[in-house]
Amino acid sequence: MIIAIEDAICERLQAGLGISVSEVMSWDVMTDDIGNILDCLPGAFVTFTGITGSQPHDTRRTRYKVTANFAVFVADHNVRENEAVRHGDVRTDEPGCYRLVRAVRRLLSGQDLGLDIGRLVPATVKMVTGKVLGEKAIGMYECLFTTFWYEDVLENRRWPVAPEYDTHPDHDFVLWEGQLDDAPREHRATHAAWQLQGQPVAEDTVRVPAKSKPESDAGEDGPLL
């Protein structure tokens, strides 16, 4: 789910920001050499910043509501003056950080990105400061967004079961050759018989159709990881 959200944010921003940015990509710019991003400016850089909470969604604690944050770092570069980095200019290749912040929040707030997640909620916007940023005349702001999904937990002392389709998240355990449980036998039919005074008077068999490939892993209560 995390990868899918990052990719979807990048796709929407790339389409929405158009020619105002040189790059929109999944990149944790704060763990890399800031100088490396000069060729990508103005730009928007998307990264998952962590899970902030996991709350039980039922009394048996078999499903949890997971809340997470994603950050979009917008950055621009202008050697003329500090104000131009923040305010931008009439030129389309000098949008300025403030306009990029507004545009990112406009494009992402309230969106589910076509995924089984809670709609993105805009949170804080913070200036990113540092000696290298100042020396290279780079302005950068972090735009934070919050969303949620649901995760089902394994039964106590059980292992994942190899899923039928390789698009299921648990297929990773198959690829990694981790320990797996045998799949439970599929329920295919239910037979019932009715008796009157000890004698059978009616019977019926209800057959369960074979499962088809699911479109998503969403449950009745909401999106799943």
Protein backbone atom coordinates (compact mmCIF):
# COMPACT_ATOMS: atom_id res chain seq x y z
CA MET A 1 0.00 0.00 0.00
CA ILE A 2 2.80 2.44 0.86
CA ILE A 3 4.41 2.09 -2.56
CA ALA A 4 1.04 2.41 -4.27
CA ILE A 5 0.27 5.65 -2.40
CA GLU A 6 3.66 7.19 -3.21
CA ASP A 7 3.31 6.29 -6.87
CA ALA A 8 -0.24 7.65 -7.04
CA ILE A 9 0.77 10.94 -5.41
CA CYS A 10 3.62 11.33 -7.90
CA GLU A 11 1.33 10.56 -10.84
CA ARG A 12 -1.29 13.11 -9.80
CA LEU A 13 1.27 15.83 -9.10
CA GLN A 14 3.09 15.22 -12.38
CA ALA A 15 -0.17 15.62 -14.26
CA GLY A 16 -1.39 18.57 -12.21
CA LEU A 17 1.79 20.63 -11.89
CA GLY A 18 2.59 20.33 -15.59
CA ILE A 19 5.54 22.38 -16.81
CA SER A 20 5.94 24.28 -13.53
CA VAL A 21 8.32 21.57 -12.28
CA SER A 22 11.25 19.72 -13.81
CA GLU A 23 10.69 16.56 -11.76
CA VAL A 24 8.09 14.85 -9.58
CA MET A 25 9.49 11.70 -8.03
CA SER A 26 9.58 9.43 -5.00
CA TRP A 27 12.75 10.58 -3.29
CA ASP A 28 13.65 11.18 0.36
CA VAL A 29 15.67 14.29 -0.32
CA MET A 30 16.63 14.74 3.32
CA THR A 31 18.77 11.57 3.31
CA ASP A 32 20.70 12.50 0.18
CA ASP A 33 23.18 15.16 -0.80
CA ILE A 34 21.10 18.30 -1.27
CA GLY A 35 23.39 19.33 -4.11
CA ASN A 36 22.10 16.39 -6.14
CA ILE A 37 18.67 17.94 -6.53
CA LEU A 38 19.87 21.10 -8.30
CA ASP A 39 19.28 19.53 -11.71
CA CYS A 40 15.72 18.60 -10.68
CA LEU A 41 14.53 22.08 -9.66
CA PRO A 42 11.92 23.33 -9.47
CA GLY A 43 10.56 20.00 -8.29
CA ALA A 44 8.34 18.01 -5.95
CA PHE A 45 9.67 15.00 -4.04
CA VAL A 46 7.38 12.48 -2.35
CA THR A 47 8.19 10.18 0.56
CA PHE A 48 6.47 8.09 3.23
CA THR A 49 7.36 9.51 6.64
CA GLY A 50 5.90 6.86 8.91
CA ILE A 51 2.90 5.26 10.59
CA THR A 52 1.63 7.47 13.40
CA GLY A 53 -0.97 5.17 14.97
CA SER A 54 -2.60 1.75 14.90
CA GLN A 55 -5.97 1.48 16.65
CA PRO A 56 -8.04 -1.72 17.10
CA HIS A 57 -11.09 -1.65 14.87
CA ASP A 58 -12.95 -4.56 16.52
CA THR A 59 -13.17 -6.08 20.00
CA ARG A 60 -11.24 -9.19 18.96
CA ARG A 61 -8.37 -7.03 17.72
CA THR A 62 -8.22 -8.79 14.38
CA ARG A 63 -8.29 -5.58 12.37
CA TYR A 64 -6.49 -2.30 12.94
CA LYS A 65 -7.00 1.18 11.57
CA VAL A 66 -3.57 2.42 10.51
CA THR A 67 -2.84 6.14 10.22
CA ALA A 68 0.18 7.27 8.20
CA ASN A 69 1.88 10.39 6.91
CA PHE A 70 3.26 11.21 3.48
CA ALA A 71 5.37 14.27 2.73
CA VAL A 72 5.76 16.27 -0.45
CA PHE A 73 8.90 18.41 -0.47
CA VAL A 74 8.62 21.30 -2.92
CA ALA A 75 11.81 23.11 -3.85
CA ASP A 76 12.92 25.91 -6.13
CA HIS A 77 16.23 27.59 -6.91
CA ASN A 78 16.95 31.19 -7.75
CA VAL A 79 20.31 32.92 -7.51
CA ARG A 80 18.93 36.42 -8.05
CA GLU A 81 17.33 37.01 -4.65
CA ASN A 82 15.81 35.18 -1.70
CA GLU A 83 12.33 36.52 -2.31
CA ALA A 84 12.26 35.11 -5.84
CA VAL A 85 12.84 31.60 -4.49
CA ARG A 86 9.74 31.93 -2.33
CA HIS A 87 7.46 34.13 -4.44
CA GLY A 88 8.46 33.03 -7.91
CA ASP A 89 8.23 35.09 -11.08
CA VAL A 90 6.00 35.47 -14.11
CA ARG A 91 8.14 32.93 -15.95
CA THR A 92 6.66 29.43 -15.93
CA ASP A 93 10.02 27.90 -14.94
CA GLU A 94 10.17 30.04 -11.78
CA PRO A 95 7.02 29.09 -9.85
CA GLY A 96 8.42 29.82 -6.40
CA CYS A 97 7.92 27.69 -3.29
CA TYR A 98 4.75 29.40 -2.05
CA ARG A 99 2.86 28.78 -5.27
CA LEU A 100 4.07 25.16 -5.36
CA VAL A 101 2.90 24.64 -1.78
CA ARG A 102 -0.54 25.97 -2.64
CA ALA A 103 -0.72 23.89 -5.82
CA VAL A 104 0.30 20.64 -4.07
CA ARG A 105 -2.30 21.09 -1.32
CA ARG A 106 -4.93 21.99 -3.92
CA LEU A 107 -4.21 18.85 -5.96
CA LEU A 108 -3.95 16.34 -3.09
CA SER A 109 -6.28 17.43 -0.29
CA GLY A 110 -9.43 15.29 -0.08
CA GLN A 111 -8.22 12.78 -2.69
CA ASP A 112 -8.18 8.99 -2.35
CA LEU A 113 -6.03 8.68 -5.50
CA GLY A 114 -8.19 5.82 -6.73
CA LEU A 115 -6.93 3.60 -3.88
CA ASP A 116 -8.64 1.91 -0.94
CA ILE A 117 -7.46 4.52 1.56
CA GLY A 118 -8.93 7.39 3.50
CA ARG A 119 -8.92 10.67 1.62
CA LEU A 120 -5.70 12.63 2.07
CA VAL A 121 -5.97 15.20 4.85
CA PRO A 122 -3.67 18.22 4.61
CA ALA A 123 -1.56 18.74 7.73
CA THR A 124 1.42 20.98 8.38
CA VAL A 125 3.70 22.90 6.03
CA LYS A 126 7.21 23.56 7.30
CA MET A 127 10.21 25.39 5.90
CA VAL A 128 13.25 23.16 5.52
CA THR A 129 16.41 25.01 6.48
CA GLY A 130 20.11 24.19 6.36
CA LYS A 131 23.49 25.64 5.55
CA VAL A 132 23.75 23.85 2.21
CA LEU A 133 20.29 25.01 1.14
CA GLY A 134 21.21 28.61 1.91
CA GLU A 135 24.54 28.42 0.14
CA LYS A 136 22.98 27.03 -3.02
CA ALA A 137 20.00 29.45 -2.96
CA ILE A 138 17.49 26.59 -2.65
CA GLY A 139 14.14 27.11 -1.00
CA MET A 140 12.35 24.02 0.29
CA TYR A 141 9.09 23.34 2.13
CA GLU A 142 7.64 20.09 3.49
CA CYS A 143 3.90 19.59 2.88
CA LEU A 144 2.53 16.84 5.11
CA PHE A 145 -0.58 14.74 4.40
CA THR A 146 -2.34 12.12 6.53
CA THR A 147 -4.34 9.10 5.40
CA PHE A 148 -5.48 5.74 6.77
CA TRP A 149 -6.22 2.16 5.77
CA TYR A 150 -7.08 -1.10 7.55
CA GLU A 151 -4.82 -4.06 8.26
CA ASP A 152 -6.00 -7.56 9.22
CA VAL A 153 -3.73 -9.47 11.62
CA LEU A 154 -2.81 -13.15 11.59
CA GLU A 155 -4.39 -15.47 14.11
CA ASN A 156 -2.17 -16.14 17.12
CA ARG A 157 0.66 -18.59 16.29
CA ARG A 158 -0.35 -18.77 12.64
CA TRP A 159 1.69 -18.01 9.52
CA PRO A 160 0.64 -16.38 6.27
CA VAL A 161 -0.97 -18.56 3.62
CA ALA A 162 0.33 -18.44 0.06
CA PRO A 163 -2.22 -16.30 -1.79
CA GLU A 164 -3.81 -17.46 -5.01
CA TYR A 165 -2.73 -14.35 -6.89
CA ASP A 166 0.73 -12.78 -7.04
CA THR A 167 -0.78 -9.29 -6.72
CA HIS A 168 -1.74 -9.98 -3.08
CA PRO A 169 0.64 -8.32 -0.55
CA ASP A 170 1.28 -11.67 1.18
CA HIS A 171 2.86 -12.96 -2.02
CA ASP A 172 6.05 -11.34 -0.71
CA PHE A 173 6.37 -14.21 1.79
CA VAL A 174 6.29 -16.65 -1.11
CA LEU A 175 9.05 -14.74 -2.94
CA TRP A 176 11.15 -14.54 0.23
CA GLU A 177 10.66 -18.26 0.94
CA GLY A 178 9.32 -17.51 4.41
CA GLN A 179 7.37 -19.97 6.53
CA LEU A 180 3.78 -20.46 5.38
CA ASP A 181 0.69 -22.27 6.60
CA ASP A 182 -1.25 -24.65 4.38
CA ALA A 183 -4.30 -23.08 2.78
CA PRO A 184 -7.60 -24.13 4.43
CA ARG A 185 -9.88 -26.30 2.32
CA GLU A 186 -12.25 -24.16 0.31
CA HIS A 187 -15.92 -24.40 1.31
CA ARG A 188 -17.74 -25.44 -1.85
CA ALA A 189 -21.19 -26.68 -0.74
CA THR A 190 -23.66 -26.93 2.16
CA HIS A 191 -26.16 -29.80 2.38
CA ALA A 192 -29.25 -29.69 4.59
CA ALA A 193 -32.01 -32.26 5.24
CA TRP A 194 -35.35 -31.79 7.01
CA GLN A 195 -37.19 -34.55 8.88
CA LEU A 196 -40.76 -34.91 10.11
CA GLN A 197 -41.41 -37.54 12.76
CA GLY A 198 -38.09 -39.16 11.99
CA GLN A 199 -38.70 -39.37 8.28
CA PRO A 200 -36.85 -37.24 5.67
CA VAL A 201 -39.25 -34.86 3.93
CA ALA A 202 -36.88 -32.51 2.09
CA GLU A 203 -33.23 -31.87 1.38
CA ASP A 204 -31.22 -29.28 -0.45
CA THR A 205 -27.62 -28.52 -1.40
CA VAL A 206 -26.29 -25.01 -1.81
CA ARG A 207 -23.12 -24.79 -3.86
CA VAL A 208 -20.65 -21.93 -3.47
CA PRO A 209 -19.31 -20.52 -6.76
CA ALA A 210 -15.57 -20.67 -7.28
CA LYS A 211 -13.79 -17.53 -6.21
CA SER A 212 -12.81 -15.02 -8.87
CA LYS A 213 -9.81 -12.74 -8.72
CA PRO A 214 -10.62 -9.84 -6.37
CA GLU A 215 -10.48 -6.28 -7.66
CA SER A 216 -9.05 -5.09 -4.33
CA ASP A 217 -8.39 -6.23 -0.79
CA ALA A 218 -10.93 -3.84 0.71
CA GLY A 219 -13.26 -5.19 3.38
CA GLU A 220 -16.70 -4.03 4.34
CA ASP A 221 -15.28 -1.64 6.93
CA GLY A 222 -12.80 0.09 4.68
CA PRO A 223 -9.49 -0.17 2.87
CA LEU A 224 -6.95 -2.85 3.71
CA LEU A 225 -3.18 -2.83 3.38
